[in-house]
Amino acid sequence: MTCAFCRAVGRHYSDSCDEVVEVPVRRQMIDEREACEECLEHCRRGKRCPKYYVRCYHCGGYDHHSALCGLPDESEVTTATLARARHSLAEATERIGQLQEDLRLYQY
């Protein structure tokens, strides 16, 4: 097995390449080589591609190889955004509690 991106032999599968990790860069490499987006090789494309009926591991789509799927990157961004939002909510909730306590002290 040869990685379609870094060309390492036997080290990892293409979708696990740690040298070329960004999907846009991977897509550009495949486009420049005029390789198939489903098998990452030169093939007869379309229904004649050996990977034509293989679903993407990440999104379940049929039109691209798992190594070219943007969903994992989107998931990481979404997860990070959600974590920041939860942290902000916790801080805001704590601040509201402090302000409510201050109001109680000043009312009496």
PDB file of N, CA and C in Angstrom:
ATOM      1  N   MET A   1       0.846  -1.170   0.000  1.00  0.00           N
ATOM      2  CA  MET A   1       0.000   0.000   0.000  1.00  0.00           C
ATOM      3  C   MET A   1       0.893   1.235   0.000  1.00  0.00           C
ATOM      4  N   THR A   2       0.621   2.131  -0.923  1.00  0.00           N
ATOM      5  CA  THR A   2       1.362   3.381  -1.043  1.00  0.00           C
ATOM      6  C   THR A   2       0.426   4.542  -0.756  1.00  0.00           C
ATOM      7  N   CYS A   3       0.851   5.443   0.097  1.00  0.00           N
ATOM      8  CA  CYS A   3       0.043   6.620   0.413  1.00  0.00           C
ATOM      9  C   CYS A   3      -0.066   7.493  -0.836  1.00  0.00           C
ATOM     10  N   ALA A   4      -1.275   7.897  -1.162  1.00  0.00           N
ATOM     11  CA  ALA A   4      -1.514   8.715  -2.353  1.00  0.00           C
ATOM     12  C   ALA A   4      -0.966  10.128  -2.212  1.00  0.00           C
ATOM     13  N   PHE A   5      -0.591  10.520  -1.009  1.00  0.00           N
ATOM     14  CA  PHE A   5      -0.162  11.899  -0.782  1.00  0.00           C
ATOM     15  C   PHE A   5       1.338  12.027  -0.535  1.00  0.00           C
ATOM     16  N   CYS A   6       1.870  11.312   0.444  1.00  0.00           N
ATOM     17  CA  CYS A   6       3.307  11.423   0.735  1.00  0.00           C
ATOM     18  C   CYS A   6       4.113  10.329   0.041  1.00  0.00           C
ATOM     19  N   ARG A   7       3.401   9.388  -0.565  1.00  0.00           N
ATOM     20  CA  ARG A   7       3.993   8.280  -1.328  1.00  0.00           C
ATOM     21  C   ARG A   7       4.765   7.286  -0.456  1.00  0.00           C
ATOM     22  N   ALA A   8       4.586   7.334   0.849  1.00  0.00           N
ATOM     23  CA  ALA A   8       5.222   6.358   1.742  1.00  0.00           C
ATOM     24  C   ALA A   8       4.636   4.979   1.453  1.00  0.00           C
ATOM     25  N   VAL A   9       5.482   3.985   1.498  1.00  0.00           N
ATOM     26  CA  VAL A   9       5.047   2.623   1.207  1.00  0.00           C
ATOM     27  C   VAL A   9       4.938   1.838   2.506  1.00  0.00           C
ATOM     28  N   GLY A  10       3.750   1.317   2.789  1.00  0.00           N
ATOM     29  CA  GLY A  10       3.535   0.438   3.925  1.00  0.00           C
ATOM     30  C   GLY A  10       3.468   1.100   5.288  1.00  0.00           C
ATOM     31  N   ARG A  11       3.556   2.414   5.369  1.00  0.00           N
ATOM     32  CA  ARG A  11       3.533   3.091   6.674  1.00  0.00           C
ATOM     33  C   ARG A  11       2.125   3.379   7.165  1.00  0.00           C
ATOM     34  N   HIS A  12       1.245   3.771   6.252  1.00  0.00           N
ATOM     35  CA  HIS A  12      -0.114   4.140   6.640  1.00  0.00           C
ATOM     36  C   HIS A  12      -1.010   4.164   5.402  1.00  0.00           C
ATOM     37  N   TYR A  13      -2.309   4.165   5.643  1.00  0.00           N
ATOM     38  CA  TYR A  13      -3.271   4.337   4.560  1.00  0.00           C
ATOM     39  C   TYR A  13      -3.333   5.823   4.207  1.00  0.00           C
ATOM     40  N   SER A  14      -3.805   6.116   3.020  1.00  0.00           N
ATOM     41  CA  SER A  14      -3.859   7.507   2.558  1.00  0.00           C
ATOM     42  C   SER A  14      -4.677   8.400   3.477  1.00  0.00           C
ATOM     43  N   ASP A  15      -5.780   7.889   4.004  1.00  0.00           N
ATOM     44  CA  ASP A  15      -6.610   8.746   4.861  1.00  0.00           C
ATOM     45  C   ASP A  15      -5.996   8.970   6.240  1.00  0.00           C
ATOM     46  N   SER A  16      -4.885   8.298   6.539  1.00  0.00           N
ATOM     47  CA  SER A  16      -4.182   8.494   7.814  1.00  0.00           C
ATOM     48  C   SER A  16      -2.847   9.207   7.631  1.00  0.00           C
ATOM     49  N   CYS A  17      -2.633   9.801   6.467  1.00  0.00           N
ATOM     50  CA  CYS A  17      -1.360  10.472   6.192  1.00  0.00           C
ATOM     51  C   CYS A  17      -1.159  11.626   7.164  1.00  0.00           C
ATOM     52  N   ASP A  18      -0.027  11.624   7.853  1.00  0.00           N
ATOM     53  CA  ASP A  18       0.256  12.695   8.803  1.00  0.00           C
ATOM     54  C   ASP A  18       1.197  13.750   8.218  1.00  0.00           C
ATOM     55  N   GLU A  19       1.591  13.571   6.969  1.00  0.00           N
ATOM     56  CA  GLU A  19       2.433  14.569   6.305  1.00  0.00           C
ATOM     57  C   GLU A  19       1.591  15.559   5.505  1.00  0.00           C
ATOM     58  N   VAL A  20       0.540  15.062   4.879  1.00  0.00           N
ATOM     59  CA  VAL A  20      -0.388  15.915   4.131  1.00  0.00           C
ATOM     60  C   VAL A  20      -1.745  15.730   4.795  1.00  0.00           C
ATOM     61  N   VAL A  21      -2.098  16.653   5.685  1.00  0.00           N
ATOM     62  CA  VAL A  21      -3.301  16.462   6.501  1.00  0.00           C
ATOM     63  C   VAL A  21      -4.487  17.321   6.068  1.00  0.00           C
ATOM     64  N   GLU A  22      -4.239  18.411   5.374  1.00  0.00           N
ATOM     65  CA  GLU A  22      -5.326  19.317   5.010  1.00  0.00           C
ATOM     66  C   GLU A  22      -6.035  18.833   3.747  1.00  0.00           C
ATOM     67  N   VAL A  23      -7.351  18.726   3.835  1.00  0.00           N
ATOM     68  CA  VAL A  23      -8.155  18.212   2.722  1.00  0.00           C
ATOM     69  C   VAL A  23      -7.988  19.044   1.451  1.00  0.00           C
ATOM     70  N   PRO A  24      -7.993  20.374   1.513  1.00  0.00           N
ATOM     71  CA  PRO A  24      -7.804  21.129   0.263  1.00  0.00           C
ATOM     72  C   PRO A  24      -6.472  20.818  -0.429  1.00  0.00           C
ATOM     73  N   VAL A  25      -5.428  20.614   0.359  1.00  0.00           N
ATOM     74  CA  VAL A  25      -4.119  20.276  -0.209  1.00  0.00           C
ATOM     75  C   VAL A  25      -4.177  18.883  -0.823  1.00  0.00           C
ATOM     76  N   ARG A  26      -4.811  17.956  -0.145  1.00  0.00           N
ATOM     77  CA  ARG A  26      -4.960  16.598  -0.683  1.00  0.00           C
ATOM     78  C   ARG A  26      -5.725  16.627  -2.006  1.00  0.00           C
ATOM     79  N   ARG A  27      -6.829  17.376  -2.032  1.00  0.00           N
ATOM     80  CA  ARG A  27      -7.633  17.472  -3.260  1.00  0.00           C
ATOM     81  C   ARG A  27      -6.810  18.068  -4.406  1.00  0.00           C
ATOM     82  N   GLN A  28      -6.031  19.096  -4.088  1.00  0.00           N
ATOM     83  CA  GLN A  28      -5.202  19.726  -5.107  1.00  0.00           C
ATOM     84  C   GLN A  28      -4.190  18.727  -5.671  1.00  0.00           C
ATOM     85  N   MET A  29      -3.593  17.928  -4.800  1.00  0.00           N
ATOM     86  CA  MET A  29      -2.618  16.931  -5.250  1.00  0.00           C
ATOM     87  C   MET A  29      -3.269  15.923  -6.187  1.00  0.00           C
ATOM     88  N   ILE A  30      -4.462  15.467  -5.832  1.00  0.00           N
ATOM     89  CA  ILE A  30      -5.176  14.492  -6.666  1.00  0.00           C
ATOM     90  C   ILE A  30      -5.542  15.127  -8.004  1.00  0.00           C
ATOM     91  N   ASP A  31      -6.007  16.381  -7.962  1.00  0.00           N
ATOM     92  CA  ASP A  31      -6.359  17.089  -9.197  1.00  0.00           C
ATOM     93  C   ASP A  31      -5.139  17.279 -10.092  1.00  0.00           C
ATOM     94  N   GLU A  32      -4.016  17.672  -9.501  1.00  0.00           N
ATOM     95  CA  GLU A  32      -2.796  17.893 -10.283  1.00  0.00           C
ATOM     96  C   GLU A  32      -2.306  16.611 -10.941  1.00  0.00           C
ATOM     97  N   ARG A  33      -2.476  15.500 -10.263  1.00  0.00           N
ATOM     98  CA  ARG A  33      -2.072  14.207 -10.834  1.00  0.00           C
ATOM     99  C   ARG A  33      -3.132  13.644 -11.767  1.00  0.00           C
ATOM    100  N   GLU A  34      -4.288  14.336 -11.826  1.00  0.00           N
ATOM    101  CA  GLU A  34      -5.432  13.883 -12.619  1.00  0.00           C
ATOM    102  C   GLU A  34      -5.842  12.469 -12.225  1.00  0.00           C
ATOM    103  N   ALA A  35      -5.803  12.231 -10.921  1.00  0.00           N
ATOM    104  CA  ALA A  35      -6.197  10.926 -10.382  1.00  0.00           C
ATOM    105  C   ALA A  35      -7.680  10.951 -10.031  1.00  0.00           C
ATOM    106  N   CYS A  36      -8.234   9.805  -9.827  1.00  0.00           N
ATOM    107  CA  CYS A  36      -9.645   9.635  -9.484  1.00  0.00           C
ATOM    108  C   CYS A  36      -9.861  10.019  -8.015  1.00  0.00           C
ATOM    109  N   GLU A  37     -10.934  10.755  -7.727  1.00  0.00           N
ATOM    110  CA  GLU A  37     -11.234  11.156  -6.347  1.00  0.00           C
ATOM    111  C   GLU A  37     -11.824  10.018  -5.521  1.00  0.00           C
ATOM    112  N   GLU A  38     -12.145   8.917  -6.151  1.00  0.00           N
ATOM    113  CA  GLU A  38     -12.723   7.791  -5.418  1.00  0.00           C
ATOM    114  C   GLU A  38     -11.677   6.757  -5.021  1.00  0.00           C
ATOM    115  N   CYS A  39     -10.709   6.498  -5.903  1.00  0.00           N
ATOM    116  CA  CYS A  39      -9.685   5.496  -5.571  1.00  0.00           C
ATOM    117  C   CYS A  39      -8.294   6.115  -5.399  1.00  0.00           C
ATOM    118  N   LEU A  40      -8.165   7.400  -5.723  1.00  0.00           N
ATOM    119  CA  LEU A  40      -6.912   8.158  -5.600  1.00  0.00           C
ATOM    120  C   LEU A  40      -5.829   7.697  -6.572  1.00  0.00           C
ATOM    121  N   GLU A  41      -6.211   6.910  -7.533  1.00  0.00           N
ATOM    122  CA  GLU A  41      -5.280   6.394  -8.536  1.00  0.00           C
ATOM    123  C   GLU A  41      -5.771   6.799  -9.922  1.00  0.00           C
ATOM    124  N   HIS A  42      -5.003   6.417 -10.928  1.00  0.00           N
ATOM    125  CA  HIS A  42      -5.456   6.598 -12.305  1.00  0.00           C
ATOM    126  C   HIS A  42      -6.281   5.365 -12.653  1.00  0.00           C
ATOM    127  N   CYS A  43      -7.538   5.597 -12.980  1.00  0.00           N
ATOM    128  CA  CYS A  43      -8.411   4.476 -13.317  1.00  0.00           C
ATOM    129  C   CYS A  43      -9.355   4.916 -14.427  1.00  0.00           C
ATOM    130  N   ARG A  44     -10.304   4.076 -14.739  1.00  0.00           N
ATOM    131  CA  ARG A  44     -11.238   4.377 -15.822  1.00  0.00           C
ATOM    132  C   ARG A  44     -12.399   5.243 -15.345  1.00  0.00           C
ATOM    133  N   ARG A  45     -12.434   5.547 -14.069  1.00  0.00           N
ATOM    134  CA  ARG A  45     -13.411   6.437 -13.436  1.00  0.00           C
ATOM    135  C   ARG A  45     -14.855   5.982 -13.604  1.00  0.00           C
ATOM    136  N   GLY A  46     -15.713   6.711 -12.884  1.00  0.00           N
ATOM    137  CA  GLY A  46     -17.138   6.384 -12.925  1.00  0.00           C
ATOM    138  C   GLY A  46     -17.396   4.976 -12.418  1.00  0.00           C
ATOM    139  N   LYS A  47     -18.360   4.314 -12.981  1.00  0.00           N
ATOM    140  CA  LYS A  47     -18.728   2.964 -12.536  1.00  0.00           C
ATOM    141  C   LYS A  47     -17.619   1.953 -12.767  1.00  0.00           C
ATOM    142  N   ARG A  48     -16.646   2.315 -13.567  1.00  0.00           N
ATOM    143  CA  ARG A  48     -15.533   1.390 -13.817  1.00  0.00           C
ATOM    144  C   ARG A  48     -14.425   1.503 -12.769  1.00  0.00           C
ATOM    145  N   CYS A  49     -14.535   2.500 -11.887  1.00  0.00           N
ATOM    146  CA  CYS A  49     -13.556   2.653 -10.803  1.00  0.00           C
ATOM    147  C   CYS A  49     -13.777   1.535  -9.787  1.00  0.00           C
ATOM    148  N   PRO A  50     -12.710   0.906  -9.303  1.00  0.00           N
ATOM    149  CA  PRO A  50     -12.876  -0.176  -8.325  1.00  0.00           C
ATOM    150  C   PRO A  50     -13.482   0.292  -6.995  1.00  0.00           C
ATOM    151  N   LYS A  51     -13.442   1.576  -6.721  1.00  0.00           N
ATOM    152  CA  LYS A  51     -13.996   2.112  -5.467  1.00  0.00           C
ATOM    153  C   LYS A  51     -15.325   2.850  -5.676  1.00  0.00           C
ATOM    154  N   TYR A  52     -15.919   2.726  -6.839  1.00  0.00           N
ATOM    155  CA  TYR A  52     -17.137   3.468  -7.176  1.00  0.00           C
ATOM    156  C   TYR A  52     -18.266   3.219  -6.178  1.00  0.00           C
ATOM    157  N   TYR A  53     -18.425   1.991  -5.733  1.00  0.00           N
ATOM    158  CA  TYR A  53     -19.526   1.643  -4.828  1.00  0.00           C
ATOM    159  C   TYR A  53     -19.112   1.633  -3.354  1.00  0.00           C
ATOM    160  N   VAL A  54     -17.945   2.157  -3.043  1.00  0.00           N
ATOM    161  CA  VAL A  54     -17.463   2.189  -1.660  1.00  0.00           C
ATOM    162  C   VAL A  54     -17.847   3.531  -1.039  1.00  0.00           C
ATOM    163  N   ARG A  55     -18.521   3.465   0.101  1.00  0.00           N
ATOM    164  CA  ARG A  55     -18.936   4.687   0.798  1.00  0.00           C
ATOM    165  C   ARG A  55     -17.759   5.307   1.552  1.00  0.00           C
ATOM    166  N   CYS A  56     -17.815   6.615   1.696  1.00  0.00           N
ATOM    167  CA  CYS A  56     -16.844   7.335   2.519  1.00  0.00           C
ATOM    168  C   CYS A  56     -17.054   6.921   3.974  1.00  0.00           C
ATOM    169  N   TYR A  57     -15.984   6.635   4.665  1.00  0.00           N
ATOM    170  CA  TYR A  57     -16.047   6.220   6.066  1.00  0.00           C
ATOM    171  C   TYR A  57     -16.654   7.307   6.946  1.00  0.00           C
ATOM    172  N   HIS A  58     -16.396   8.563   6.613  1.00  0.00           N
ATOM    173  CA  HIS A  58     -16.805   9.676   7.468  1.00  0.00           C
ATOM    174  C   HIS A  58     -18.233  10.145   7.231  1.00  0.00           C
ATOM    175  N   CYS A  59     -18.611  10.349   5.971  1.00  0.00           N
ATOM    176  CA  CYS A  59     -19.921  10.945   5.681  1.00  0.00           C
ATOM    177  C   CYS A  59     -20.887   9.995   4.993  1.00  0.00           C
ATOM    178  N   GLY A  60     -20.402   8.857   4.537  1.00  0.00           N
ATOM    179  CA  GLY A  60     -21.275   7.896   3.871  1.00  0.00           C
ATOM    180  C   GLY A  60     -21.512   8.189   2.399  1.00  0.00           C
ATOM    181  N   GLY A  61     -20.872   9.226   1.875  1.00  0.00           N
ATOM    182  CA  GLY A  61     -21.041   9.571   0.461  1.00  0.00           C
ATOM    183  C   GLY A  61     -20.303   8.600  -0.444  1.00  0.00           C
ATOM    184  N   TYR A  62     -20.669   8.629  -1.719  1.00  0.00           N
ATOM    185  CA  TYR A  62     -20.049   7.738  -2.702  1.00  0.00           C
ATOM    186  C   TYR A  62     -19.085   8.453  -3.642  1.00  0.00           C
ATOM    187  N   ASP A  63     -19.063   9.765  -3.647  1.00  0.00           N
ATOM    188  CA  ASP A  63     -18.350  10.489  -4.697  1.00  0.00           C
ATOM    189  C   ASP A  63     -16.912  10.878  -4.359  1.00  0.00           C
ATOM    190  N   HIS A  64     -16.375  10.384  -3.263  1.00  0.00           N
ATOM    191  CA  HIS A  64     -14.999  10.721  -2.898  1.00  0.00           C
ATOM    192  C   HIS A  64     -14.428   9.662  -1.947  1.00  0.00           C
ATOM    193  N   HIS A  65     -13.122   9.597  -1.911  1.00  0.00           N
ATOM    194  CA  HIS A  65     -12.394   8.717  -0.992  1.00  0.00           C
ATOM    195  C   HIS A  65     -12.445   9.335   0.407  1.00  0.00           C
ATOM    196  N   SER A  66     -12.406   8.525   1.430  1.00  0.00           N
ATOM    197  CA  SER A  66     -12.432   9.018   2.817  1.00  0.00           C
ATOM    198  C   SER A  66     -11.321  10.027   3.093  1.00  0.00           C
ATOM    199  N   ALA A  67     -10.190   9.876   2.430  1.00  0.00           N
ATOM    200  CA  ALA A  67      -9.063  10.788   2.626  1.00  0.00           C
ATOM    201  C   ALA A  67      -9.359  12.195   2.117  1.00  0.00           C
ATOM    202  N   LEU A  68     -10.399  12.340   1.298  1.00  0.00           N
ATOM    203  CA  LEU A  68     -10.747  13.643   0.731  1.00  0.00           C
ATOM    204  C   LEU A  68     -11.994  14.243   1.367  1.00  0.00           C
ATOM    205  N   CYS A  69     -12.487  13.629   2.420  1.00  0.00           N
ATOM    206  CA  CYS A  69     -13.717  14.093   3.062  1.00  0.00           C
ATOM    207  C   CYS A  69     -13.426  15.251   4.018  1.00  0.00           C
ATOM    208  N   GLY A  70     -14.207  16.308   3.915  1.00  0.00           N
ATOM    209  CA  GLY A  70     -14.032  17.463   4.784  1.00  0.00           C
ATOM    210  C   GLY A  70     -14.743  17.351   6.114  1.00  0.00           C
ATOM    211  N   LEU A  71     -15.574  16.330   6.285  1.00  0.00           N
ATOM    212  CA  LEU A  71     -16.363  16.206   7.507  1.00  0.00           C
ATOM    213  C   LEU A  71     -15.527  16.126   8.786  1.00  0.00           C
ATOM    214  N   PRO A  72     -14.439  15.364   8.834  1.00  0.00           N
ATOM    215  CA  PRO A  72     -13.662  15.335  10.085  1.00  0.00           C
ATOM    216  C   PRO A  72     -13.149  16.716  10.494  1.00  0.00           C
ATOM    217  N   ASP A  73     -12.688  17.509   9.527  1.00  0.00           N
ATOM    218  CA  ASP A  73     -12.222  18.863   9.844  1.00  0.00           C
ATOM    219  C   ASP A  73     -13.367  19.713  10.357  1.00  0.00           C
ATOM    220  N   GLU A  74     -14.522  19.606   9.703  1.00  0.00           N
ATOM    221  CA  GLU A  74     -15.696  20.358  10.139  1.00  0.00           C
ATOM    222  C   GLU A  74     -16.107  19.932  11.544  1.00  0.00           C
ATOM    223  N   SER A  75     -16.014  18.642  11.832  1.00  0.00           N
ATOM    224  CA  SER A  75     -16.379  18.132  13.154  1.00  0.00           C
ATOM    225  C   SER A  75     -15.454  18.687  14.231  1.00  0.00           C
ATOM    226  N   GLU A  76     -14.162  18.762  13.926  1.00  0.00           N
ATOM    227  CA  GLU A  76     -13.202  19.310  14.892  1.00  0.00           C
ATOM    228  C   GLU A  76     -13.501  20.774  15.177  1.00  0.00           C
ATOM    229  N   VAL A  77     -13.804  21.534  14.137  1.00  0.00           N
ATOM    230  CA  VAL A  77     -14.127  22.955  14.309  1.00  0.00           C
ATOM    231  C   VAL A  77     -15.400  23.096  15.126  1.00  0.00           C
ATOM    232  N   THR A  78     -16.404  22.296  14.808  1.00  0.00           N
ATOM    233  CA  THR A  78     -17.671  22.343  15.533  1.00  0.00           C
ATOM    234  C   THR A  78     -17.472  21.973  16.995  1.00  0.00           C
ATOM    235  N   THR A  79     -16.689  20.950  17.256  1.00  0.00           N
ATOM    236  CA  THR A  79     -16.420  20.520  18.626  1.00  0.00           C
ATOM    237  C   THR A  79     -15.697  21.620  19.405  1.00  0.00           C
ATOM    238  N   ALA A  80     -14.715  22.249  18.778  1.00  0.00           N
ATOM    239  CA  ALA A  80     -13.980  23.332  19.442  1.00  0.00           C
ATOM    240  C   ALA A  80     -14.896  24.528  19.708  1.00  0.00           C
ATOM    241  N   THR A  81     -15.740  24.859  18.747  1.00  0.00           N
ATOM    242  CA  THR A  81     -16.679  25.972  18.920  1.00  0.00           C
ATOM    243  C   THR A  81     -17.653  25.678  20.046  1.00  0.00           C
ATOM    244  N   LEU A  82     -18.152  24.457  20.095  1.00  0.00           N
ATOM    245  CA  LEU A  82     -19.078  24.053  21.148  1.00  0.00           C
ATOM    246  C   LEU A  82     -18.405  24.120  22.520  1.00  0.00           C
ATOM    247  N   ALA A  83     -17.162  23.682  22.607  1.00  0.00           N
ATOM    248  CA  ALA A  83     -16.435  23.732  23.882  1.00  0.00           C
ATOM    249  C   ALA A  83     -16.266  25.179  24.351  1.00  0.00           C
ATOM    250  N   ARG A  84     -15.921  26.079  23.419  1.00  0.00           N
ATOM    251  CA  ARG A  84     -15.788  27.497  23.785  1.00  0.00           C
ATOM    252  C   ARG A  84     -17.127  28.068  24.241  1.00  0.00           C
ATOM    253  N   ALA A  85     -18.201  27.705  23.545  1.00  0.00           N
ATOM    254  CA  ALA A  85     -19.532  28.200  23.916  1.00  0.00           C
ATOM    255  C   ALA A  85     -19.935  27.701  25.299  1.00  0.00           C
ATOM    256  N   ARG A  86     -19.649  26.437  25.593  1.00  0.00           N
ATOM    257  CA  ARG A  86     -19.978  25.885  26.919  1.00  0.00           C
ATOM    258  C   ARG A  86     -19.185  26.595  28.012  1.00  0.00           C
ATOM    259  N   HIS A  87     -17.927  26.870  27.731  1.00  0.00           N
ATOM    260  CA  HIS A  87     -17.082  27.573  28.697  1.00  0.00           C
ATOM    261  C   HIS A  87     -17.619  28.987  28.938  1.00  0.00           C
ATOM    262  N   SER A  88     -17.980  29.673  27.866  1.00  0.00           N
ATOM    263  CA  SER A  88     -18.544  31.028  27.997  1.00  0.00           C
ATOM    264  C   SER A  88     -19.847  31.006  28.777  1.00  0.00           C
ATOM    265  N   LEU A  89     -20.673  30.001  28.522  1.00  0.00           N
ATOM    266  CA  LEU A  89     -21.938  29.870  29.248  1.00  0.00           C
ATOM    267  C   LEU A  89     -21.682  29.668  30.738  1.00  0.00           C
ATOM    268  N   ALA A  90     -20.724  28.820  31.069  1.00  0.00           N
ATOM    269  CA  ALA A  90     -20.406  28.572  32.477  1.00  0.00           C
ATOM    270  C   ALA A  90     -19.916  29.855  33.150  1.00  0.00           C
ATOM    271  N   GLU A  91     -19.061  30.604  32.457  1.00  0.00           N
ATOM    272  CA  GLU A  91     -18.578  31.870  33.024  1.00  0.00           C
ATOM    273  C   GLU A  91     -19.719  32.865  33.203  1.00  0.00           C
ATOM    274  N   ALA A  92     -20.602  32.962  32.207  1.00  0.00           N
ATOM    275  CA  ALA A  92     -21.731  33.896  32.286  1.00  0.00           C
ATOM    276  C   ALA A  92     -22.686  33.503  33.410  1.00  0.00           C
ATOM    277  N   THR A  93     -22.932  32.209  33.554  1.00  0.00           N
ATOM    278  CA  THR A  93     -23.817  31.727  34.615  1.00  0.00           C
ATOM    279  C   THR A  93     -23.227  32.055  35.985  1.00  0.00           C
ATOM    280  N   GLU A  94     -21.927  31.864  36.119  1.00  0.00           N
ATOM    281  CA  GLU A  94     -21.255  32.194  37.381  1.00  0.00           C
ATOM    282  C   GLU A  94     -21.342  33.696  37.661  1.00  0.00           C
ATOM    283  N   ARG A  95     -21.137  34.505  36.645  1.00  0.00           N
ATOM    284  CA  ARG A  95     -21.205  35.963  36.815  1.00  0.00           C
ATOM    285  C   ARG A  95     -22.620  36.395  37.193  1.00  0.00           C
ATOM    286  N   ILE A  96     -23.629  35.800  36.591  1.00  0.00           N
ATOM    287  CA  ILE A  96     -25.021  36.115  36.941  1.00  0.00           C
ATOM    288  C   ILE A  96     -25.275  35.792  38.408  1.00  0.00           C
ATOM    289  N   GLY A  97     -24.774  34.658  38.854  1.00  0.00           N
ATOM    290  CA  GLY A  97     -24.919  34.283  40.260  1.00  0.00           C
ATOM    291  C   GLY A  97     -24.271  35.301  41.181  1.00  0.00           C
ATOM    292  N   GLN A  98     -23.086  35.772  40.806  1.00  0.00           N
ATOM    293  CA  GLN A  98     -22.391  36.784  41.607  1.00  0.00           C
ATOM    294  C   GLN A  98     -23.188  38.088  41.655  1.00  0.00           C
ATOM    295  N   LEU A  99     -23.714  38.503  40.518  1.00  0.00           N
ATOM    296  CA  LEU A  99     -24.498  39.740  40.463  1.00  0.00           C
ATOM    297  C   LEU A  99     -25.786  39.623  41.273  1.00  0.00           C
ATOM    298  N   GLN A 100     -26.422  38.459  41.208  1.00  0.00           N
ATOM    299  CA  GLN A 100     -27.638  38.249  42.005  1.00  0.00           C
ATOM    300  C   GLN A 100     -27.322  38.329  43.495  1.00  0.00           C
ATOM    301  N   GLU A 101     -26.207  37.767  43.891  1.00  0.00           N
ATOM    302  CA  GLU A 101     -25.787  37.829  45.292  1.00  0.00           C
ATOM    303  C   GLU A 101     -25.509  39.277  45.702  1.00  0.00           C
ATOM    304  N   ASP A 102     -24.833  40.023  44.843  1.00  0.00           N
ATOM    305  CA  ASP A 102     -24.570  41.441  45.123  1.00  0.00           C
ATOM    306  C   ASP A 102     -25.878  42.216  45.281  1.00  0.00           C
ATOM    307  N   LEU A 103     -26.846  41.937  44.422  1.00  0.00           N
ATOM    308  CA  LEU A 103     -28.146  42.615  44.513  1.00  0.00           C
ATOM    309  C   LEU A 103     -28.834  42.321  45.843  1.00  0.00           C
ATOM    310  N   ARG A 104     -28.764  41.082  46.280  1.00  0.00           N
ATOM    311  CA  ARG A 104     -29.379  40.705  47.559  1.00  0.00           C
ATOM    312  C   ARG A 104     -28.728  41.463  48.713  1.00  0.00           C
ATOM    313  N   LEU A 105     -27.410  41.622  48.657  1.00  0.00           N
ATOM    314  CA  LEU A 105     -26.696  42.330  49.719  1.00  0.00           C
ATOM    315  C   LEU A 105     -27.067  43.809  49.761  1.00  0.00           C
ATOM    316  N   TYR A 106     -27.244  44.421  48.610  1.00  0.00           N
ATOM    317  CA  TYR A 106     -27.549  45.852  48.559  1.00  0.00           C
ATOM    318  C   TYR A 106     -29.017  46.165  48.817  1.00  0.00           C
ATOM    319  N   GLN A 107     -29.880  45.192  48.713  1.00  0.00           N
ATOM    320  CA  GLN A 107     -31.304  45.433  48.927  1.00  0.00           C
ATOM    321  C   GLN A 107     -31.643  45.535  50.405  1.00  0.00           C
ATOM    322  N   TYR A 108     -30.820  45.044  51.277  1.00  0.00           N
ATOM    323  CA  TYR A 108     -31.153  45.032  52.713  1.00  0.00           C
ATOM    324  C   TYR A 108     -30.355  45.998  53.474  1.00  0.00           C
TER     325      TYR A 108
END
